[in-house]
Amino acid sequence: PSELIIGGYDSNRCNGRIQWVPTLSEGLRGFWQVGLRQVLLSQNNRWPAKPLKAKEPACSSRSVEVCAAAVDSGTAVVAGPSTYIHALLESIQVDPECRNFDELPAVFFEIASKRKGNLDWVYLQLTRFEYV
């Protein structure tokens, strides 16, 4: 069973630390959006992670430090610019029969946060247990 709680959270249903980040005011309507700086990978599922090697940056315009990323709890899909998503899939390369499961990297999303008025970064991690 699942539930949606607006304006708080049930600590009995949490495993780990809650990380709050501001939403962006501009962008797609109907989606929660956060500022994404980059995606990183870690082969040993620990920090430090290395930036994803892609032909193009995650954001189409790097005139700003972050780009808008939609957060949708109703889907199990990660979407983005096709060249960037292709690079992510090439880096992960999940074997159809999961023979390489133990070698799959963790994926980190570097999300903008503000702490005491300063831009800071929160790292949201997806392990192989969460994306396979």
N, C-alpha and C. Protein backbone atom coordinates (compact mmCIF):
# COMPACT_ATOMS: atom_id res chain seq x y z
N PRO A 1 0.83 -1.20 0.00
CA PRO A 1 0.00 0.00 0.00
C PRO A 1 0.87 1.26 0.00
N SER A 2 0.33 2.29 -0.56
CA SER A 2 1.05 3.56 -0.59
C SER A 2 0.13 4.65 -0.07
N GLU A 3 0.72 5.80 0.18
CA GLU A 3 -0.07 6.94 0.65
C GLU A 3 0.61 8.22 0.22
N LEU A 4 -0.17 9.28 0.18
CA LEU A 4 0.34 10.60 -0.13
C LEU A 4 0.06 11.49 1.07
N ILE A 5 1.11 12.07 1.61
CA ILE A 5 0.97 13.00 2.73
C ILE A 5 1.42 14.36 2.25
N ILE A 6 0.58 15.35 2.39
CA ILE A 6 0.91 16.71 1.95
C ILE A 6 1.18 17.56 3.18
N GLY A 7 2.33 18.22 3.18
CA GLY A 7 2.65 19.13 4.27
C GLY A 7 3.43 18.50 5.40
N GLY A 8 3.90 17.29 5.24
CA GLY A 8 4.67 16.64 6.30
C GLY A 8 5.06 15.24 5.87
N TYR A 9 5.41 14.41 6.84
CA TYR A 9 5.76 13.03 6.54
C TYR A 9 5.55 12.18 7.78
N ASP A 10 5.39 10.89 7.58
CA ASP A 10 5.22 9.92 8.66
C ASP A 10 6.58 9.28 8.90
N SER A 11 7.22 9.59 10.03
CA SER A 11 8.57 9.08 10.31
C SER A 11 8.60 7.56 10.42
N ASN A 12 7.45 6.93 10.66
CA ASN A 12 7.39 5.47 10.71
C ASN A 12 7.59 4.85 9.32
N ARG A 13 7.39 5.65 8.27
CA ARG A 13 7.53 5.14 6.90
C ARG A 13 8.84 5.58 6.25
N CYS A 14 9.74 6.19 7.00
CA CYS A 14 10.99 6.69 6.44
C CYS A 14 12.14 5.78 6.80
N ASN A 15 13.02 5.62 5.86
CA ASN A 15 14.24 4.86 6.09
C ASN A 15 15.39 5.74 5.63
N GLY A 16 16.04 6.40 6.54
CA GLY A 16 17.13 7.30 6.17
C GLY A 16 16.78 8.74 6.47
N ARG A 17 17.55 9.62 5.91
CA ARG A 17 17.45 11.05 6.18
C ARG A 17 16.55 11.73 5.17
N ILE A 18 15.70 12.63 5.65
CA ILE A 18 14.87 13.45 4.77
C ILE A 18 15.71 14.63 4.28
N GLN A 19 15.69 14.88 2.97
CA GLN A 19 16.42 16.00 2.41
C GLN A 19 15.42 16.90 1.68
N TRP A 20 15.33 18.15 2.12
CA TRP A 20 14.39 19.10 1.54
C TRP A 20 15.11 19.96 0.52
N VAL A 21 14.51 20.16 -0.63
CA VAL A 21 15.05 21.07 -1.64
C VAL A 21 13.92 21.95 -2.15
N PRO A 22 14.24 23.18 -2.54
CA PRO A 22 13.18 24.07 -3.06
C PRO A 22 12.76 23.65 -4.46
N THR A 23 11.53 23.94 -4.79
CA THR A 23 11.06 23.70 -6.16
C THR A 23 11.29 24.97 -6.97
N LEU A 24 11.37 24.80 -8.29
CA LEU A 24 11.54 25.93 -9.19
C LEU A 24 10.17 26.48 -9.56
N SER A 25 10.10 27.78 -9.74
CA SER A 25 8.80 28.38 -10.07
C SER A 25 8.50 28.33 -11.56
N GLU A 26 9.53 28.32 -12.41
CA GLU A 26 9.29 28.29 -13.85
C GLU A 26 9.32 26.85 -14.35
N GLY A 27 8.88 26.64 -15.58
CA GLY A 27 8.99 25.32 -16.19
C GLY A 27 7.65 24.69 -16.51
N LEU A 28 7.64 23.38 -16.57
CA LEU A 28 6.45 22.63 -16.96
C LEU A 28 5.36 22.74 -15.90
N ARG A 29 4.16 22.94 -16.34
CA ARG A 29 3.03 23.00 -15.40
C ARG A 29 2.61 21.60 -15.02
N GLY A 30 2.22 21.45 -13.79
CA GLY A 30 1.73 20.16 -13.34
C GLY A 30 2.81 19.23 -12.80
N PHE A 31 4.05 19.67 -12.77
CA PHE A 31 5.14 18.84 -12.24
C PHE A 31 5.88 19.58 -11.14
N TRP A 32 6.33 18.85 -10.15
CA TRP A 32 7.28 19.40 -9.19
C TRP A 32 8.61 19.44 -9.92
N GLN A 33 9.30 20.57 -9.86
CA GLN A 33 10.59 20.68 -10.53
C GLN A 33 11.66 21.16 -9.57
N VAL A 34 12.83 20.56 -9.72
CA VAL A 34 13.98 20.94 -8.90
C VAL A 34 15.12 21.31 -9.83
N GLY A 35 16.13 21.98 -9.28
CA GLY A 35 17.31 22.35 -10.05
C GLY A 35 18.30 21.21 -10.09
N LEU A 36 18.61 20.71 -11.27
CA LEU A 36 19.56 19.62 -11.46
C LEU A 36 20.84 20.18 -12.05
N ARG A 37 21.98 19.86 -11.44
CA ARG A 37 23.26 20.30 -12.00
C ARG A 37 23.90 19.22 -12.85
N GLN A 38 23.91 17.99 -12.35
CA GLN A 38 24.52 16.91 -13.12
C GLN A 38 24.13 15.55 -12.54
N VAL A 39 24.47 14.50 -13.30
CA VAL A 39 24.27 13.12 -12.88
C VAL A 39 25.65 12.51 -12.75
N LEU A 40 25.85 11.75 -11.68
CA LEU A 40 27.14 11.13 -11.41
C LEU A 40 26.95 9.62 -11.23
N LEU A 41 28.02 8.86 -11.44
CA LEU A 41 27.99 7.41 -11.27
C LEU A 41 29.09 6.98 -10.32
N SER A 42 28.81 5.92 -9.55
CA SER A 42 29.81 5.36 -8.65
C SER A 42 29.80 3.84 -8.80
N GLN A 43 30.92 3.29 -9.24
CA GLN A 43 31.01 1.84 -9.44
C GLN A 43 30.90 1.05 -8.14
N ASN A 44 31.37 1.61 -7.03
CA ASN A 44 31.31 0.88 -5.77
C ASN A 44 30.13 1.33 -4.90
N ASN A 45 29.20 2.07 -5.50
CA ASN A 45 27.98 2.53 -4.82
C ASN A 45 28.27 3.42 -3.63
N ARG A 46 29.40 4.08 -3.63
CA ARG A 46 29.77 5.00 -2.55
C ARG A 46 30.29 6.30 -3.14
N TRP A 47 30.34 7.30 -2.29
CA TRP A 47 30.90 8.59 -2.66
C TRP A 47 32.40 8.50 -2.55
N PRO A 48 33.24 9.09 -3.38
CA PRO A 48 32.87 10.05 -4.42
C PRO A 48 32.43 9.34 -5.70
N ALA A 49 31.58 10.01 -6.43
CA ALA A 49 31.11 9.52 -7.72
C ALA A 49 31.71 10.39 -8.81
N LYS A 50 31.70 9.88 -10.04
CA LYS A 50 32.27 10.62 -11.17
C LYS A 50 31.15 11.09 -12.09
N PRO A 51 31.29 12.30 -12.67
CA PRO A 51 30.27 12.80 -13.59
C PRO A 51 30.05 11.86 -14.77
N LEU A 52 28.82 11.75 -15.20
CA LEU A 52 28.48 10.97 -16.38
C LEU A 52 29.17 11.58 -17.59
N LYS A 53 29.80 10.74 -18.40
CA LYS A 53 30.46 11.23 -19.63
C LYS A 53 29.45 11.20 -20.76
N ALA A 54 29.03 12.37 -21.17
CA ALA A 54 28.06 12.50 -22.25
C ALA A 54 28.57 13.51 -23.26
N LYS A 55 28.09 13.41 -24.50
CA LYS A 55 28.49 14.35 -25.55
C LYS A 55 27.96 15.75 -25.27
N GLU A 56 26.82 15.83 -24.58
CA GLU A 56 26.21 17.11 -24.26
C GLU A 56 25.92 17.15 -22.76
N PRO A 57 25.89 18.33 -22.17
CA PRO A 57 25.52 18.42 -20.75
C PRO A 57 24.04 18.08 -20.56
N ALA A 58 23.67 17.78 -19.32
CA ALA A 58 22.27 17.47 -19.01
C ALA A 58 21.37 18.63 -19.38
N CYS A 59 21.84 19.83 -19.14
CA CYS A 59 21.06 21.02 -19.45
C CYS A 59 21.42 21.51 -20.84
N SER A 60 20.43 21.81 -21.65
CA SER A 60 20.71 22.26 -23.01
C SER A 60 21.38 23.64 -23.01
N SER A 61 21.11 24.44 -21.99
CA SER A 61 21.74 25.75 -21.88
C SER A 61 22.56 25.81 -20.61
N ARG A 62 23.87 25.88 -20.73
CA ARG A 62 24.71 25.94 -19.53
C ARG A 62 24.99 27.39 -19.13
N SER A 63 24.14 28.31 -19.58
CA SER A 63 24.30 29.69 -19.15
C SER A 63 23.86 29.83 -17.70
N VAL A 64 23.14 28.85 -17.21
CA VAL A 64 22.74 28.82 -15.80
C VAL A 64 23.39 27.60 -15.17
N GLU A 65 23.54 27.64 -13.85
CA GLU A 65 24.23 26.53 -13.18
C GLU A 65 23.39 25.27 -13.09
N VAL A 66 22.07 25.42 -13.09
CA VAL A 66 21.18 24.27 -12.99
C VAL A 66 20.10 24.34 -14.07
N CYS A 67 19.50 23.20 -14.35
CA CYS A 67 18.36 23.17 -15.26
C CYS A 67 17.19 22.53 -14.52
N ALA A 68 16.01 22.70 -15.04
CA ALA A 68 14.81 22.17 -14.40
C ALA A 68 14.71 20.67 -14.64
N ALA A 69 14.43 19.93 -13.58
CA ALA A 69 14.19 18.49 -13.67
C ALA A 69 12.87 18.19 -12.99
N ALA A 70 11.98 17.52 -13.69
CA ALA A 70 10.67 17.19 -13.14
C ALA A 70 10.78 15.98 -12.23
N VAL A 71 10.08 16.03 -11.11
CA VAL A 71 10.03 14.93 -10.16
C VAL A 71 8.58 14.44 -10.15
N ASP A 72 8.40 13.18 -10.51
CA ASP A 72 7.05 12.63 -10.61
C ASP A 72 7.01 11.30 -9.86
N SER A 73 6.37 11.29 -8.71
CA SER A 73 6.32 10.07 -7.91
C SER A 73 5.38 9.02 -8.51
N GLY A 74 4.67 9.38 -9.56
CA GLY A 74 3.74 8.44 -10.19
C GLY A 74 4.32 7.70 -11.37
N THR A 75 5.62 7.79 -11.59
CA THR A 75 6.24 7.09 -12.71
C THR A 75 7.54 6.44 -12.28
N ALA A 76 7.95 5.46 -13.04
CA ALA A 76 9.21 4.77 -12.77
C ALA A 76 10.20 5.05 -13.90
N VAL A 77 10.07 6.20 -14.55
CA VAL A 77 10.88 6.53 -15.71
C VAL A 77 11.81 7.69 -15.39
N VAL A 78 13.04 7.62 -15.88
CA VAL A 78 13.95 8.76 -15.84
C VAL A 78 14.05 9.23 -17.28
N ALA A 79 13.71 10.48 -17.52
CA ALA A 79 13.72 11.02 -18.88
C ALA A 79 14.61 12.25 -18.93
N GLY A 80 15.05 12.59 -20.12
CA GLY A 80 15.89 13.77 -20.30
C GLY A 80 16.29 13.88 -21.76
N PRO A 81 17.25 14.77 -22.06
CA PRO A 81 17.73 14.89 -23.43
C PRO A 81 18.24 13.54 -23.93
N SER A 82 17.88 13.17 -25.16
CA SER A 82 18.15 11.81 -25.65
C SER A 82 19.64 11.44 -25.61
N THR A 83 20.53 12.36 -25.97
CA THR A 83 21.95 12.02 -25.95
C THR A 83 22.44 11.77 -24.52
N TYR A 84 21.88 12.49 -23.57
CA TYR A 84 22.29 12.33 -22.18
C TYR A 84 21.75 11.01 -21.62
N ILE A 85 20.48 10.70 -21.90
CA ILE A 85 19.89 9.45 -21.43
C ILE A 85 20.59 8.27 -22.10
N HIS A 86 20.94 8.39 -23.38
CA HIS A 86 21.68 7.34 -24.07
C HIS A 86 23.02 7.09 -23.37
N ALA A 87 23.72 8.15 -23.01
CA ALA A 87 25.00 8.01 -22.30
C ALA A 87 24.80 7.34 -20.94
N LEU A 88 23.72 7.67 -20.25
CA LEU A 88 23.43 7.04 -18.97
C LEU A 88 23.17 5.55 -19.15
N LEU A 89 22.36 5.17 -20.12
CA LEU A 89 22.07 3.76 -20.38
C LEU A 89 23.32 3.00 -20.80
N GLU A 90 24.17 3.64 -21.61
CA GLU A 90 25.43 3.01 -22.01
C GLU A 90 26.34 2.77 -20.81
N SER A 91 26.35 3.70 -19.87
CA SER A 91 27.19 3.58 -18.68
C SER A 91 26.70 2.50 -17.73
N ILE A 92 25.39 2.35 -17.66
CA ILE A 92 24.82 1.37 -16.73
C ILE A 92 24.86 -0.03 -17.33
N GLN A 93 24.36 -0.21 -18.54
CA GLN A 93 24.35 -1.49 -19.26
C GLN A 93 23.89 -2.67 -18.40
N VAL A 94 22.62 -2.69 -18.08
CA VAL A 94 22.05 -3.79 -17.31
C VAL A 94 21.88 -5.00 -18.24
N ASP A 95 22.44 -6.12 -17.85
CA ASP A 95 22.29 -7.35 -18.60
C ASP A 95 20.83 -7.81 -18.52
N PRO A 96 20.22 -8.21 -19.64
CA PRO A 96 18.81 -8.61 -19.61
C PRO A 96 18.50 -9.73 -18.61
N GLU A 97 19.51 -10.55 -18.30
CA GLU A 97 19.30 -11.62 -17.31
C GLU A 97 19.94 -11.29 -15.97
N CYS A 98 20.33 -10.03 -15.80
CA CYS A 98 20.90 -9.50 -14.54
C CYS A 98 22.17 -10.23 -14.09
N ARG A 99 22.94 -10.74 -15.03
CA ARG A 99 24.19 -11.42 -14.65
C ARG A 99 25.23 -10.44 -14.12
N ASN A 100 25.09 -9.15 -14.44
CA ASN A 100 26.07 -8.16 -13.98
C ASN A 100 25.51 -7.30 -12.84
N PHE A 101 24.49 -7.78 -12.18
CA PHE A 101 23.81 -7.00 -11.14
C PHE A 101 24.77 -6.46 -10.08
N ASP A 102 25.68 -7.30 -9.58
CA ASP A 102 26.59 -6.88 -8.51
C ASP A 102 27.61 -5.83 -8.95
N GLU A 103 27.80 -5.66 -10.26
CA GLU A 103 28.76 -4.68 -10.77
C GLU A 103 28.12 -3.37 -11.19
N LEU A 104 26.80 -3.27 -11.12
CA LEU A 104 26.12 -2.06 -11.60
C LEU A 104 26.41 -0.87 -10.68
N PRO A 105 26.58 0.32 -11.28
CA PRO A 105 26.91 1.51 -10.47
C PRO A 105 25.68 2.12 -9.79
N ALA A 106 25.96 2.93 -8.80
CA ALA A 106 24.93 3.79 -8.21
C ALA A 106 24.85 5.04 -9.07
N VAL A 107 23.66 5.60 -9.18
CA VAL A 107 23.44 6.84 -9.93
C VAL A 107 23.11 7.93 -8.93
N PHE A 108 23.81 9.06 -9.00
CA PHE A 108 23.57 10.19 -8.11
C PHE A 108 23.05 11.37 -8.92
N PHE A 109 22.01 12.01 -8.44
CA PHE A 109 21.49 13.24 -9.04
C PHE A 109 21.90 14.39 -8.14
N GLU A 110 22.63 15.35 -8.69
CA GLU A 110 23.09 16.51 -7.93
C GLU A 110 22.02 17.59 -8.03
N ILE A 111 21.31 17.83 -6.93
CA ILE A 111 20.15 18.71 -6.89
C ILE A 111 20.48 19.97 -6.09
N ALA A 112 20.04 21.12 -6.60
CA ALA A 112 20.29 22.40 -5.94
C ALA A 112 19.44 22.54 -4.69
N SER A 113 20.04 23.08 -3.65
CA SER A 113 19.36 23.35 -2.40
C SER A 113 19.86 24.69 -1.89
N LYS A 114 19.11 25.32 -1.05
CA LYS A 114 19.58 26.58 -0.44
C LYS A 114 19.62 26.39 1.06
N ARG A 115 20.76 26.70 1.62
CA ARG A 115 20.93 26.63 3.06
C ARG A 115 21.46 27.98 3.52
N LYS A 116 20.68 28.63 4.36
CA LYS A 116 21.05 29.94 4.88
C LYS A 116 21.36 30.92 3.75
N GLY A 117 20.58 30.86 2.66
CA GLY A 117 20.73 31.78 1.55
C GLY A 117 21.80 31.41 0.54
N ASN A 118 22.61 30.39 0.82
CA ASN A 118 23.68 29.98 -0.10
C ASN A 118 23.25 28.76 -0.90
N LEU A 119 23.71 28.69 -2.15
CA LEU A 119 23.44 27.53 -2.98
C LEU A 119 24.28 26.37 -2.47
N ASP A 120 23.63 25.25 -2.25
CA ASP A 120 24.28 24.05 -1.74
C ASP A 120 23.80 22.89 -2.60
N TRP A 121 24.34 21.70 -2.38
CA TRP A 121 23.98 20.56 -3.22
C TRP A 121 23.54 19.38 -2.37
N VAL A 122 22.50 18.73 -2.83
CA VAL A 122 21.98 17.51 -2.22
C VAL A 122 22.17 16.42 -3.26
N TYR A 123 22.63 15.26 -2.83
CA TYR A 123 22.87 14.16 -3.75
C TYR A 123 21.85 13.06 -3.48
N LEU A 124 20.98 12.83 -4.46
CA LEU A 124 19.98 11.77 -4.35
C LEU A 124 20.51 10.55 -5.09
N GLN A 125 20.53 9.43 -4.39
CA GLN A 125 21.16 8.22 -4.93
C GLN A 125 20.12 7.18 -5.34
N LEU A 126 20.34 6.58 -6.51
CA LEU A 126 19.59 5.40 -6.93
C LEU A 126 20.60 4.25 -7.00
N THR A 127 20.40 3.22 -6.20
CA THR A 127 21.27 2.06 -6.26
C THR A 127 20.73 1.07 -7.29
N ARG A 128 21.50 0.06 -7.59
CA ARG A 128 21.05 -0.96 -8.55
C ARG A 128 19.78 -1.65 -8.07
N PHE A 129 19.57 -1.71 -6.76
CA PHE A 129 18.34 -2.32 -6.23
C PHE A 129 17.11 -1.48 -6.57
N GLU A 130 17.31 -0.19 -6.81
CA GLU A 130 16.20 0.71 -7.08
C GLU A 130 15.93 0.92 -8.56
N TYR A 131 16.94 0.76 -9.43
CA TYR A 131 16.67 1.02 -10.84
C TYR A 131 16.59 -0.23 -11.72
N VAL A 132 16.90 -1.39 -11.16
CA VAL A 132 16.78 -2.63 -11.95
C VAL A 132 15.46 -3.29 -11.65
